């Protein structure tokens, strides 16, 4: 009986991991375009041709590829992740698409290792809730930005976690805007834009996407 329970728990764990990672696979990117509204994200971030930008928590490069196409050959994209296997996969995607304006960066959990004072915008999408040392990371990002540079944080809030503590939300892989807004202000950013409902994550009505834009 115990062996059966352990097997069921293991299978549930594997299934959950598969579901969580599927949205980041290249095979899911076209479907993701239908609900992610990347063009509006870039408009909010004011990303345009010739910009130097970063995708922190890039996974296999969904947003990175979009960034690369927008900033063009005269621009630069820094794609940061803490897992080398994801960056290896991204390098393959870039090679297949013949994109040469992206630099993959193996970051630390408390340091995205971005170039100092040279970025127009840094986007952190569905990743901030995973950061234990978020204030240290914000400090590094702030140092990487040009004057008037932007940080864009995109997260999803699961409805059943709305009134939970920050730690409880992090454990549930979600986060409220109110916590992040306070942290951006504490880190010395000004809030220039906030959108409380940017659509539904994977069209799930219980998961609301929100966006904050901070400037220095």
N, C-alpha and C. Protein backbone atom coordinates (compact mmCIF):
# COMPACT_ATOMS: atom_id res chain seq x y z
N UNK A 1 0.83 -1.21 0.00
CA UNK A 1 0.00 0.00 0.00
C UNK A 1 0.86 1.26 0.00
N UNK A 2 1.89 1.25 0.90
CA UNK A 2 2.79 2.39 0.96
C UNK A 2 3.54 2.57 -0.35
N UNK A 3 3.92 1.46 -0.96
CA UNK A 3 4.63 1.52 -2.24
C UNK A 3 3.76 2.14 -3.32
N UNK A 4 2.46 1.80 -3.32
CA UNK A 4 1.54 2.36 -4.31
C UNK A 4 1.37 3.87 -4.10
N UNK A 5 1.28 4.29 -2.84
CA UNK A 5 1.14 5.72 -2.53
C UNK A 5 2.38 6.49 -3.00
N UNK A 6 3.56 5.92 -2.71
CA UNK A 6 4.79 6.57 -3.14
C UNK A 6 4.85 6.69 -4.66
N UNK A 7 4.41 5.64 -5.34
CA UNK A 7 4.42 5.66 -6.80
C UNK A 7 3.47 6.73 -7.33
N UNK A 8 2.29 6.83 -6.72
CA UNK A 8 1.31 7.83 -7.14
C UNK A 8 1.83 9.24 -6.92
N UNK A 9 2.48 9.47 -5.77
CA UNK A 9 3.05 10.78 -5.48
C UNK A 9 4.15 11.14 -6.46
N UNK A 10 4.96 10.14 -6.80
CA UNK A 10 6.05 10.38 -7.74
C UNK A 10 5.50 10.74 -9.13
N UNK A 11 4.50 10.01 -9.56
CA UNK A 11 3.90 10.27 -10.87
C UNK A 11 3.23 11.65 -10.90
N UNK A 12 2.59 12.01 -9.78
CA UNK A 12 1.98 13.34 -9.70
C UNK A 12 3.03 14.43 -9.79
N UNK A 13 4.17 14.21 -9.12
CA UNK A 13 5.26 15.17 -9.16
C UNK A 13 5.80 15.33 -10.58
N UNK A 14 6.02 14.22 -11.25
CA UNK A 14 6.54 14.26 -12.62
C UNK A 14 5.56 14.97 -13.55
N UNK A 15 4.27 14.67 -13.39
CA UNK A 15 3.25 15.31 -14.23
C UNK A 15 3.22 16.80 -13.99
N UNK A 16 3.32 17.21 -12.73
CA UNK A 16 3.30 18.64 -12.40
C UNK A 16 4.49 19.35 -13.01
N UNK A 17 5.67 18.75 -12.91
CA UNK A 17 6.86 19.34 -13.50
C UNK A 17 6.69 19.48 -15.00
N UNK A 18 6.13 18.47 -15.63
CA UNK A 18 5.92 18.51 -17.07
C UNK A 18 4.99 19.62 -17.49
N UNK A 19 3.90 19.80 -16.72
CA UNK A 19 2.95 20.86 -17.04
C UNK A 19 3.58 22.23 -16.86
N UNK A 20 4.36 22.40 -15.76
CA UNK A 20 4.98 23.68 -15.48
C UNK A 20 6.00 24.06 -16.56
N UNK A 21 6.72 23.04 -17.07
CA UNK A 21 7.77 23.33 -18.04
C UNK A 21 7.24 23.43 -19.47
N UNK A 22 6.09 22.85 -19.73
CA UNK A 22 5.59 22.78 -21.11
C UNK A 22 5.42 24.15 -21.74
N UNK A 23 4.96 25.13 -20.96
CA UNK A 23 4.71 26.45 -21.51
C UNK A 23 5.99 27.13 -21.99
N UNK A 24 7.15 26.63 -21.55
CA UNK A 24 8.41 27.24 -21.94
C UNK A 24 9.06 26.55 -23.13
N UNK A 25 8.54 25.41 -23.55
CA UNK A 25 9.11 24.68 -24.67
C UNK A 25 8.76 25.36 -25.99
N UNK A 26 9.66 25.21 -26.95
CA UNK A 26 9.46 25.83 -28.26
C UNK A 26 8.14 25.40 -28.90
N UNK A 27 7.75 24.17 -28.69
CA UNK A 27 6.51 23.65 -29.28
C UNK A 27 5.27 24.37 -28.76
N UNK A 28 5.39 25.07 -27.62
CA UNK A 28 4.26 25.78 -27.03
C UNK A 28 4.28 27.27 -27.35
N UNK A 29 5.31 27.75 -28.02
CA UNK A 29 5.46 29.20 -28.20
C UNK A 29 4.35 29.81 -29.05
N UNK A 30 3.96 29.14 -30.10
CA UNK A 30 2.90 29.69 -30.96
C UNK A 30 1.59 29.82 -30.19
N UNK A 31 1.27 28.80 -29.40
CA UNK A 31 0.07 28.85 -28.58
C UNK A 31 0.17 29.98 -27.56
N UNK A 32 1.35 30.14 -27.01
CA UNK A 32 1.55 31.18 -26.01
C UNK A 32 1.35 32.58 -26.59
N UNK A 33 1.70 32.75 -27.85
CA UNK A 33 1.49 34.04 -28.51
C UNK A 33 0.03 34.48 -28.48
N UNK A 34 -0.88 33.52 -28.40
CA UNK A 34 -2.31 33.84 -28.44
C UNK A 34 -2.81 34.49 -27.16
N UNK A 35 -2.06 34.34 -26.05
CA UNK A 35 -2.52 34.93 -24.79
C UNK A 35 -1.50 35.80 -24.07
N UNK A 36 -0.27 35.86 -24.58
CA UNK A 36 0.78 36.59 -23.88
C UNK A 36 0.85 38.07 -24.22
N UNK A 37 0.39 38.46 -25.40
CA UNK A 37 0.39 39.87 -25.83
C UNK A 37 1.78 40.51 -25.70
N UNK A 38 2.74 39.90 -26.37
CA UNK A 38 4.13 40.35 -26.30
C UNK A 38 4.30 41.76 -26.84
N UNK A 39 3.59 42.09 -27.91
CA UNK A 39 3.74 43.42 -28.50
C UNK A 39 3.38 44.52 -27.51
N UNK A 40 2.36 44.28 -26.68
CA UNK A 40 1.98 45.27 -25.69
C UNK A 40 3.01 45.34 -24.57
N UNK A 41 3.61 44.21 -24.22
CA UNK A 41 4.69 44.21 -23.23
C UNK A 41 5.83 45.09 -23.71
N UNK A 42 6.21 44.92 -24.96
CA UNK A 42 7.30 45.71 -25.51
C UNK A 42 6.94 47.19 -25.60
N UNK A 43 5.68 47.48 -25.84
CA UNK A 43 5.24 48.87 -25.87
C UNK A 43 5.35 49.49 -24.47
N UNK A 44 4.93 48.74 -23.46
CA UNK A 44 5.04 49.21 -22.08
C UNK A 44 6.50 49.40 -21.68
N UNK A 45 7.36 48.51 -22.15
CA UNK A 45 8.79 48.58 -21.83
C UNK A 45 9.52 49.57 -22.71
N UNK A 46 8.84 50.07 -23.75
CA UNK A 46 9.42 51.01 -24.71
C UNK A 46 10.63 50.40 -25.41
N UNK A 47 10.54 49.12 -25.71
CA UNK A 47 11.62 48.43 -26.41
C UNK A 47 11.48 48.66 -27.91
N UNK A 48 12.57 49.06 -28.52
CA UNK A 48 12.55 49.36 -29.95
C UNK A 48 13.89 49.00 -30.59
N UNK A 49 13.96 49.16 -31.91
CA UNK A 49 15.17 48.82 -32.65
C UNK A 49 16.37 49.57 -32.09
N UNK A 50 17.47 48.86 -31.96
CA UNK A 50 18.71 49.46 -31.49
C UNK A 50 18.90 49.42 -29.98
N UNK A 51 17.87 49.01 -29.24
CA UNK A 51 17.97 48.96 -27.78
C UNK A 51 18.86 47.81 -27.30
N UNK A 52 19.40 47.98 -26.10
CA UNK A 52 20.05 46.90 -25.37
C UNK A 52 19.12 46.51 -24.24
N UNK A 53 18.73 45.24 -24.20
CA UNK A 53 17.72 44.79 -23.25
C UNK A 53 18.12 43.46 -22.64
N UNK A 54 17.39 43.06 -21.59
CA UNK A 54 17.67 41.77 -20.96
C UNK A 54 16.38 41.04 -20.66
N UNK A 55 16.45 39.73 -20.77
CA UNK A 55 15.36 38.82 -20.42
C UNK A 55 15.87 37.98 -19.25
N UNK A 56 15.48 38.36 -18.04
CA UNK A 56 15.96 37.68 -16.84
C UNK A 56 14.99 36.56 -16.45
N UNK A 57 15.49 35.34 -16.44
CA UNK A 57 14.63 34.17 -16.28
C UNK A 57 14.11 33.75 -17.64
N UNK A 58 15.03 33.64 -18.60
CA UNK A 58 14.64 33.47 -20.01
C UNK A 58 14.16 32.07 -20.34
N UNK A 59 14.46 31.08 -19.50
CA UNK A 59 14.14 29.68 -19.82
C UNK A 59 14.74 29.32 -21.18
N UNK A 60 13.94 28.82 -22.10
CA UNK A 60 14.49 28.42 -23.40
C UNK A 60 14.39 29.52 -24.45
N UNK A 61 13.91 30.72 -24.04
CA UNK A 61 14.03 31.85 -24.93
C UNK A 61 12.78 32.37 -25.60
N UNK A 62 11.61 32.03 -25.08
CA UNK A 62 10.37 32.52 -25.71
C UNK A 62 10.41 34.03 -25.90
N UNK A 63 10.61 34.76 -24.81
CA UNK A 63 10.63 36.22 -24.90
C UNK A 63 11.90 36.73 -25.55
N UNK A 64 13.00 36.03 -25.32
CA UNK A 64 14.29 36.42 -25.90
C UNK A 64 14.21 36.50 -27.42
N UNK A 65 13.61 35.50 -28.05
CA UNK A 65 13.50 35.49 -29.52
C UNK A 65 12.69 36.69 -30.00
N UNK A 66 11.59 36.98 -29.33
CA UNK A 66 10.79 38.16 -29.68
C UNK A 66 11.62 39.43 -29.53
N UNK A 67 12.37 39.53 -28.43
CA UNK A 67 13.22 40.71 -28.20
C UNK A 67 14.25 40.87 -29.31
N UNK A 68 14.88 39.76 -29.66
CA UNK A 68 15.91 39.78 -30.70
C UNK A 68 15.36 40.34 -32.01
N UNK A 69 14.18 39.92 -32.37
CA UNK A 69 13.58 40.40 -33.62
C UNK A 69 13.23 41.88 -33.57
N UNK A 70 12.84 42.36 -32.39
CA UNK A 70 12.45 43.77 -32.25
C UNK A 70 13.66 44.70 -32.22
N UNK A 71 14.69 44.37 -31.44
CA UNK A 71 15.83 45.29 -31.33
C UNK A 71 16.71 45.24 -32.57
N UNK A 72 16.64 44.15 -33.33
CA UNK A 72 17.35 44.08 -34.60
C UNK A 72 18.86 43.94 -34.47
N UNK A 73 19.53 43.98 -35.60
CA UNK A 73 20.98 43.77 -35.65
C UNK A 73 21.74 44.86 -34.91
N UNK A 74 21.16 46.05 -34.80
CA UNK A 74 21.84 47.14 -34.11
C UNK A 74 21.62 47.11 -32.61
N UNK A 75 20.78 46.18 -32.14
CA UNK A 75 20.48 46.06 -30.72
C UNK A 75 21.17 44.85 -30.10
N UNK A 76 20.91 44.65 -28.81
CA UNK A 76 21.53 43.55 -28.09
C UNK A 76 20.57 43.02 -27.04
N UNK A 77 20.51 41.68 -26.91
CA UNK A 77 19.68 41.03 -25.91
C UNK A 77 20.56 40.16 -25.02
N UNK A 78 20.42 40.34 -23.71
CA UNK A 78 21.09 39.48 -22.74
C UNK A 78 20.04 38.54 -22.17
N UNK A 79 20.22 37.25 -22.43
CA UNK A 79 19.27 36.24 -21.98
C UNK A 79 19.86 35.52 -20.78
N UNK A 80 19.22 35.69 -19.62
CA UNK A 80 19.79 35.21 -18.36
C UNK A 80 18.95 34.08 -17.77
N UNK A 81 19.62 33.03 -17.36
CA UNK A 81 18.96 31.97 -16.61
C UNK A 81 19.98 31.33 -15.68
N UNK A 82 19.49 30.66 -14.64
CA UNK A 82 20.39 30.01 -13.69
C UNK A 82 20.64 28.55 -14.05
N UNK A 83 19.98 28.09 -15.11
CA UNK A 83 20.16 26.70 -15.54
C UNK A 83 20.84 26.66 -16.90
N UNK A 84 21.98 26.01 -16.93
CA UNK A 84 22.78 25.95 -18.15
C UNK A 84 22.08 25.15 -19.25
N UNK A 85 21.30 24.13 -18.88
CA UNK A 85 20.62 23.32 -19.90
C UNK A 85 19.61 24.15 -20.68
N UNK A 86 18.96 25.09 -19.99
CA UNK A 86 18.02 25.97 -20.69
C UNK A 86 18.76 26.88 -21.67
N UNK A 87 19.91 27.40 -21.24
CA UNK A 87 20.68 28.28 -22.12
C UNK A 87 21.25 27.51 -23.30
N UNK A 88 21.63 26.27 -23.09
CA UNK A 88 22.11 25.44 -24.21
C UNK A 88 20.99 25.26 -25.24
N UNK A 89 19.78 25.04 -24.77
CA UNK A 89 18.65 24.89 -25.68
C UNK A 89 18.37 26.19 -26.41
N UNK A 90 18.48 27.31 -25.69
CA UNK A 90 18.28 28.63 -26.31
C UNK A 90 19.32 28.87 -27.39
N UNK A 91 20.56 28.51 -27.12
CA UNK A 91 21.61 28.68 -28.14
C UNK A 91 21.26 27.92 -29.41
N UNK A 92 20.65 26.74 -29.26
CA UNK A 92 20.23 25.98 -30.44
C UNK A 92 19.12 26.71 -31.19
N UNK A 93 18.16 27.28 -30.44
CA UNK A 93 17.08 28.05 -31.08
C UNK A 93 17.65 29.25 -31.85
N UNK A 94 18.61 29.92 -31.26
CA UNK A 94 19.22 31.08 -31.90
C UNK A 94 19.98 30.68 -33.16
N UNK A 95 20.70 29.57 -33.07
CA UNK A 95 21.47 29.09 -34.22
C UNK A 95 20.53 28.72 -35.37
N UNK A 96 19.43 28.06 -35.04
CA UNK A 96 18.46 27.64 -36.06
C UNK A 96 17.85 28.85 -36.76
N UNK A 97 17.65 29.92 -36.01
CA UNK A 97 17.03 31.13 -36.55
C UNK A 97 18.05 32.13 -37.08
N UNK A 98 19.33 31.82 -36.94
CA UNK A 98 20.43 32.67 -37.40
C UNK A 98 20.38 34.05 -36.75
N UNK A 99 20.10 34.05 -35.44
CA UNK A 99 20.06 35.30 -34.67
C UNK A 99 21.38 35.47 -33.94
N UNK A 100 22.04 36.59 -34.17
CA UNK A 100 23.39 36.80 -33.63
C UNK A 100 23.46 37.96 -32.63
N UNK A 101 22.34 38.55 -32.31
CA UNK A 101 22.36 39.71 -31.40
C UNK A 101 22.00 39.34 -29.96
N UNK A 102 22.07 38.06 -29.61
CA UNK A 102 21.73 37.59 -28.26
C UNK A 102 22.95 36.99 -27.58
N UNK A 103 23.17 37.40 -26.34
CA UNK A 103 24.22 36.81 -25.52
C UNK A 103 23.56 36.06 -24.37
N UNK A 104 23.80 34.77 -24.26
CA UNK A 104 23.25 34.00 -23.15
C UNK A 104 24.17 34.14 -21.94
N UNK A 105 23.54 34.28 -20.77
CA UNK A 105 24.28 34.55 -19.54
C UNK A 105 23.83 33.57 -18.45
N UNK A 106 24.77 32.82 -17.90
CA UNK A 106 24.47 31.94 -16.77
C UNK A 106 24.57 32.77 -15.50
N UNK A 107 23.41 33.15 -14.96
CA UNK A 107 23.39 34.00 -13.78
C UNK A 107 23.45 33.20 -12.49
N UNK A 108 23.64 33.92 -11.40
CA UNK A 108 23.52 33.33 -10.08
C UNK A 108 22.11 33.61 -9.55
N UNK A 109 21.72 32.92 -8.50
CA UNK A 109 20.38 33.11 -7.96
C UNK A 109 20.20 34.51 -7.37
N UNK A 110 21.30 35.17 -7.00
CA UNK A 110 21.20 36.53 -6.46
C UNK A 110 21.84 37.58 -7.35
N UNK A 111 22.25 37.18 -8.57
CA UNK A 111 22.92 38.12 -9.46
C UNK A 111 22.75 37.70 -10.91
N UNK A 112 22.01 38.51 -11.70
CA UNK A 112 21.82 38.16 -13.12
C UNK A 112 23.04 38.45 -13.99
N UNK A 113 24.08 39.06 -13.42
CA UNK A 113 25.34 39.29 -14.13
C UNK A 113 25.15 40.09 -15.42
N UNK A 114 24.48 41.20 -15.29
CA UNK A 114 24.22 42.07 -16.43
C UNK A 114 25.30 43.14 -16.54
N UNK A 115 25.55 43.67 -17.74
CA UNK A 115 26.53 44.75 -17.89
C UNK A 115 26.05 46.02 -17.19
N UNK A 116 26.97 46.75 -16.62
CA UNK A 116 26.62 47.92 -15.83
C UNK A 116 26.25 49.13 -16.70
N UNK A 117 25.17 49.81 -16.33
CA UNK A 117 24.81 51.09 -16.92
C UNK A 117 24.59 51.10 -18.41
N UNK A 118 24.16 49.98 -19.00
CA UNK A 118 24.11 49.90 -20.46
C UNK A 118 22.78 49.43 -21.04
N UNK A 119 21.79 49.13 -20.19
CA UNK A 119 20.55 48.54 -20.69
C UNK A 119 19.40 49.56 -20.69
N UNK A 120 18.61 49.48 -21.75
CA UNK A 120 17.42 50.33 -21.85
C UNK A 120 16.26 49.74 -21.07
N UNK A 121 16.18 48.41 -21.03
CA UNK A 121 15.07 47.76 -20.34
C UNK A 121 15.46 46.35 -19.93
N UNK A 122 14.94 45.95 -18.77
CA UNK A 122 15.11 44.58 -18.27
C UNK A 122 13.72 44.03 -17.97
N UNK A 123 13.40 42.89 -18.56
CA UNK A 123 12.10 42.25 -18.34
C UNK A 123 12.31 41.00 -17.49
N UNK A 124 11.50 40.90 -16.43
CA UNK A 124 11.52 39.72 -15.56
C UNK A 124 10.12 39.12 -15.59
N UNK A 125 9.94 38.07 -16.36
CA UNK A 125 8.60 37.52 -16.58
C UNK A 125 8.44 36.15 -15.92
N UNK A 126 7.45 36.03 -15.06
CA UNK A 126 7.12 34.77 -14.38
C UNK A 126 8.35 34.16 -13.72
N UNK A 127 9.17 35.02 -13.13
CA UNK A 127 10.43 34.58 -12.52
C UNK A 127 10.66 35.25 -11.17
N UNK A 128 10.17 36.44 -11.00
CA UNK A 128 10.43 37.20 -9.77
C UNK A 128 9.97 36.44 -8.53
N UNK A 129 8.87 35.70 -8.64
CA UNK A 129 8.35 34.97 -7.48
C UNK A 129 9.28 33.84 -7.04
N UNK A 130 10.24 33.47 -7.89
CA UNK A 130 11.19 32.41 -7.55
C UNK A 130 12.43 32.95 -6.84
N UNK A 131 12.57 34.26 -6.77
CA UNK A 131 13.79 34.87 -6.24
C UNK A 131 13.72 35.06 -4.73
N UNK A 132 14.56 34.34 -4.01
CA UNK A 132 14.64 34.52 -2.57
C UNK A 132 15.34 35.84 -2.22
N UNK A 133 16.37 36.17 -2.99
CA UNK A 133 17.16 37.39 -2.74
C UNK A 133 16.72 38.51 -3.68
N UNK A 134 15.42 38.75 -3.72
CA UNK A 134 14.87 39.68 -4.70
C UNK A 134 15.39 41.11 -4.55
N UNK A 135 15.64 41.58 -3.33
CA UNK A 135 16.15 42.94 -3.16
C UNK A 135 17.57 43.06 -3.70
N UNK A 136 18.37 42.03 -3.54
CA UNK A 136 19.73 42.03 -4.09
C UNK A 136 19.67 42.01 -5.61
N UNK A 137 18.76 41.21 -6.16
CA UNK A 137 18.61 41.15 -7.63
C UNK A 137 18.16 42.50 -8.17
N UNK A 138 17.21 43.14 -7.50
CA UNK A 138 16.76 44.47 -7.94
C UNK A 138 17.91 45.47 -7.93
N UNK A 139 18.77 45.38 -6.94
CA UNK A 139 19.93 46.26 -6.85
C UNK A 139 20.83 46.07 -8.07
N UNK A 140 21.07 44.81 -8.43
CA UNK A 140 21.91 44.53 -9.61
C UNK A 140 21.25 45.05 -10.89
N UNK A 141 19.96 44.83 -11.02
CA UNK A 141 19.25 45.29 -12.22
C UNK A 141 19.29 46.81 -12.32
N UNK A 142 19.10 47.47 -11.21
CA UNK A 142 19.15 48.94 -11.21
C UNK A 142 20.50 49.44 -11.70
N UNK A 143 21.56 48.77 -11.27
CA UNK A 143 22.90 49.17 -11.70
C UNK A 143 23.14 48.91 -13.18
N UNK A 144 22.39 48.00 -13.75
CA UNK A 144 22.59 47.65 -15.16
C UNK A 144 21.89 48.62 -16.11
N UNK A 145 20.96 49.40 -15.59
CA UNK A 145 20.14 50.26 -16.44
C UNK A 145 20.80 51.60 -16.75
N UNK A 146 20.52 52.11 -17.93
CA UNK A 146 20.89 53.47 -18.29
C UNK A 146 20.01 54.46 -17.51
N UNK A 147 20.38 55.73 -17.46
CA UNK A 147 19.45 56.72 -16.90
C UNK A 147 18.10 56.64 -17.63
N UNK A 148 17.03 56.62 -16.86
CA UNK A 148 15.67 56.48 -17.38
C UNK A 148 15.39 55.07 -17.94
N UNK A 149 16.26 54.12 -17.63
CA UNK A 149 16.01 52.74 -18.03
C UNK A 149 14.82 52.15 -17.28
N UNK A 150 14.25 51.08 -17.83
CA UNK A 150 13.03 50.49 -17.27
C UNK A 150 13.25 49.04 -16.82
N UNK A 151 12.60 48.72 -15.72
CA UNK A 151 12.44 47.32 -15.32
C UNK A 151 10.97 46.98 -15.46
N UNK A 152 10.70 45.84 -16.07
CA UNK A 152 9.32 45.39 -16.29
C UNK A 152 9.17 44.03 -15.61
N UNK A 153 8.28 43.98 -14.63
CA UNK A 153 8.04 42.73 -13.93
C UNK A 153 6.64 42.24 -14.27
N UNK A 154 6.56 41.01 -14.74
CA UNK A 154 5.31 40.39 -15.15
C UNK A 154 5.11 39.13 -14.33
N UNK A 155 3.99 39.05 -13.66
CA UNK A 155 3.68 37.89 -12.83
C UNK A 155 2.22 37.51 -13.01
N UNK A 156 1.87 36.35 -12.47
CA UNK A 156 0.47 35.93 -12.44
C UNK A 156 0.05 35.73 -11.00
N UNK A 157 -1.16 36.16 -10.67
CA UNK A 157 -1.70 35.97 -9.33
C UNK A 157 -2.84 34.95 -9.40
N UNK A 158 -2.67 33.86 -8.68
CA UNK A 158 -3.71 32.83 -8.63
C UNK A 158 -4.78 33.28 -7.63
N UNK A 159 -6.02 33.24 -8.05
CA UNK A 159 -7.11 33.82 -7.26
C UNK A 159 -7.19 33.26 -5.85
N UNK A 160 -6.93 31.98 -5.68
CA UNK A 160 -7.06 31.38 -4.35
C UNK A 160 -5.91 31.75 -3.42
N UNK A 161 -4.88 32.46 -3.97
CA UNK A 161 -3.74 32.88 -3.16
C UNK A 161 -3.75 34.38 -2.88
N UNK A 162 -4.81 35.07 -3.25
CA UNK A 162 -4.84 36.53 -3.19
C UNK A 162 -4.49 37.09 -1.82
N UNK A 163 -5.06 36.55 -0.77
CA UNK A 163 -4.87 37.11 0.58
C UNK A 163 -3.81 36.39 1.40
N UNK A 164 -2.98 35.62 0.74
CA UNK A 164 -1.92 34.88 1.43
C UNK A 164 -0.70 35.78 1.66
N UNK A 165 0.17 35.35 2.56
CA UNK A 165 1.41 36.08 2.80
C UNK A 165 2.33 35.94 1.59
N UNK A 166 3.36 36.77 1.58
CA UNK A 166 4.31 36.70 0.48
C UNK A 166 4.96 35.32 0.41
N UNK A 167 5.38 34.79 1.55
CA UNK A 167 6.02 33.47 1.57
C UNK A 167 5.07 32.38 1.08
N UNK A 168 3.82 32.46 1.48
CA UNK A 168 2.83 31.47 1.04
C UNK A 168 2.61 31.56 -0.46
N UNK A 169 2.57 32.78 -0.98
CA UNK A 169 2.40 32.95 -2.42
C UNK A 169 3.61 32.41 -3.18
N UNK A 170 4.80 32.68 -2.70
CA UNK A 170 6.00 32.17 -3.36
C UNK A 170 5.99 30.65 -3.43
N UNK A 171 5.57 30.02 -2.35
CA UNK A 171 5.49 28.55 -2.33
C UNK A 171 4.47 28.05 -3.34
N UNK A 172 3.46 28.88 -3.62
CA UNK A 172 2.45 28.52 -4.60
C UNK A 172 2.76 29.01 -6.00
N UNK A 173 4.00 29.47 -6.22
CA UNK A 173 4.47 29.94 -7.54
C UNK A 173 3.57 31.04 -8.09
N UNK A 174 3.30 32.02 -7.24
CA UNK A 174 2.50 33.17 -7.64
C UNK A 174 2.91 34.34 -6.76
N UNK A 175 2.41 35.56 -7.09
CA UNK A 175 2.79 36.73 -6.30
C UNK A 175 1.84 37.89 -6.59
N UNK A 176 1.54 38.64 -5.53
CA UNK A 176 0.67 39.81 -5.66
C UNK A 176 1.47 41.04 -6.08
N UNK A 177 0.83 41.90 -6.83
CA UNK A 177 1.46 43.14 -7.26
C UNK A 177 1.87 44.01 -6.07
N UNK A 178 1.06 44.02 -5.00
CA UNK A 178 1.32 44.93 -3.88
C UNK A 178 2.68 44.69 -3.26
N UNK A 179 3.10 43.44 -3.17
CA UNK A 179 4.40 43.14 -2.59
C UNK A 179 5.53 43.67 -3.47
N UNK A 180 5.42 43.44 -4.76
CA UNK A 180 6.49 43.82 -5.68
C UNK A 180 6.56 45.33 -5.84
N UNK A 181 5.42 45.98 -5.85
CA UNK A 181 5.39 47.44 -5.95
C UNK A 181 6.16 48.06 -4.79
N UNK A 182 5.92 47.57 -3.58
CA UNK A 182 6.62 48.08 -2.40
C UNK A 182 8.12 47.82 -2.49
N UNK A 183 8.49 46.66 -3.05
CA UNK A 183 9.91 46.30 -3.16
C UNK A 183 10.62 47.14 -4.21
N UNK A 184 9.95 47.44 -5.30
CA UNK A 184 10.54 48.32 -6.31
C UNK A 184 10.79 49.72 -5.74
N UNK A 185 9.83 50.23 -5.01
CA UNK A 185 9.99 51.54 -4.39
C UNK A 185 11.13 51.53 -3.38
N UNK A 186 11.22 50.49 -2.60
CA UNK A 186 12.30 50.37 -1.62
C UNK A 186 13.65 50.31 -2.30
N UNK A 187 13.71 49.71 -3.48
CA UNK A 187 14.96 49.59 -4.22
C UNK A 187 15.34 50.87 -4.94
N UNK A 188 14.47 51.88 -4.90
CA UNK A 188 14.79 53.17 -5.51
C UNK A 188 14.21 53.40 -6.88
N UNK A 189 13.30 52.54 -7.30
CA UNK A 189 12.62 52.74 -8.58
C UNK A 189 11.37 53.61 -8.39
N UNK A 190 10.99 54.30 -9.45
CA UNK A 190 9.69 54.96 -9.50
C UNK A 190 8.76 54.09 -10.33
N UNK A 191 7.51 53.98 -9.92
CA UNK A 191 6.54 53.19 -10.67
C UNK A 191 5.93 54.08 -11.76
N UNK A 192 6.19 53.73 -13.01
CA UNK A 192 5.69 54.55 -14.12
C UNK A 192 4.41 53.98 -14.72
N UNK A 193 4.24 52.66 -14.61
CA UNK A 193 3.05 52.03 -15.18
C UNK A 193 2.69 50.81 -14.34
N UNK A 194 1.40 50.59 -14.16
CA UNK A 194 0.94 49.37 -13.51
C UNK A 194 -0.37 48.93 -14.12
N UNK A 195 -0.44 47.65 -14.43
CA UNK A 195 -1.65 47.07 -15.01
C UNK A 195 -2.03 45.87 -14.15
N UNK A 196 -3.17 45.97 -13.50
CA UNK A 196 -3.59 44.92 -12.58
C UNK A 196 -4.16 43.70 -13.28
N UNK A 197 -4.70 43.89 -14.48
CA UNK A 197 -5.24 42.76 -15.24
C UNK A 197 -4.75 42.86 -16.68
N UNK A 198 -3.71 42.08 -16.99
CA UNK A 198 -3.10 42.07 -18.31
C UNK A 198 -3.54 40.84 -19.10
N UNK A 199 -4.62 40.23 -18.65
CA UNK A 199 -5.09 39.01 -19.31
C UNK A 199 -4.98 37.83 -18.38
N UNK A 200 -5.27 36.65 -18.89
CA UNK A 200 -5.26 35.43 -18.09
C UNK A 200 -4.16 34.49 -18.55
N UNK A 201 -3.40 34.02 -17.58
CA UNK A 201 -2.28 33.11 -17.89
C UNK A 201 -2.82 31.81 -18.48
N UNK A 202 -2.39 31.51 -19.68
CA UNK A 202 -2.84 30.32 -20.42
C UNK A 202 -4.37 30.28 -20.52
N UNK A 203 -4.99 31.46 -20.55
CA UNK A 203 -6.45 31.60 -20.64
C UNK A 203 -7.19 30.98 -19.45
N UNK A 204 -6.49 30.84 -18.34
CA UNK A 204 -7.08 30.32 -17.11
C UNK A 204 -7.63 31.49 -16.30
N UNK A 205 -8.94 31.55 -16.13
CA UNK A 205 -9.56 32.70 -15.47
C UNK A 205 -9.16 32.85 -14.00
N UNK A 206 -8.56 31.82 -13.42
CA UNK A 206 -8.14 31.90 -12.02
C UNK A 206 -6.71 32.43 -11.88
N UNK A 207 -6.05 32.74 -13.01
CA UNK A 207 -4.67 33.23 -12.98
C UNK A 207 -4.58 34.54 -13.76
N UNK A 208 -4.54 35.64 -13.03
CA UNK A 208 -4.53 36.96 -13.65
C UNK A 208 -3.11 37.50 -13.78
N UNK A 209 -2.75 37.89 -14.98
CA UNK A 209 -1.43 38.45 -15.24
C UNK A 209 -1.43 39.94 -14.85
N UNK A 210 -0.39 40.37 -14.17
CA UNK A 210 -0.23 41.79 -13.87
C UNK A 210 1.16 42.26 -14.31
N UNK A 211 1.30 43.58 -14.51
CA UNK A 211 2.54 44.14 -14.99
C UNK A 211 2.89 45.42 -14.22
N UNK A 212 4.14 45.53 -13.81
CA UNK A 212 4.67 46.74 -13.20
C UNK A 212 5.86 47.22 -14.02
N UNK A 213 5.94 48.52 -14.26
CA UNK A 213 7.11 49.12 -14.92
C UNK A 213 7.73 50.12 -13.96
N UNK A 214 9.00 49.90 -13.67
CA UNK A 214 9.73 50.83 -12.81
C UNK A 214 10.82 51.53 -13.58
N UNK A 215 11.11 52.79 -13.21
CA UNK A 215 12.17 53.55 -13.86
C UNK A 215 13.13 54.10 -12.82
N UNK A 216 14.34 54.44 -13.27
CA UNK A 216 15.33 55.02 -12.36
C UNK A 216 15.54 56.49 -12.69
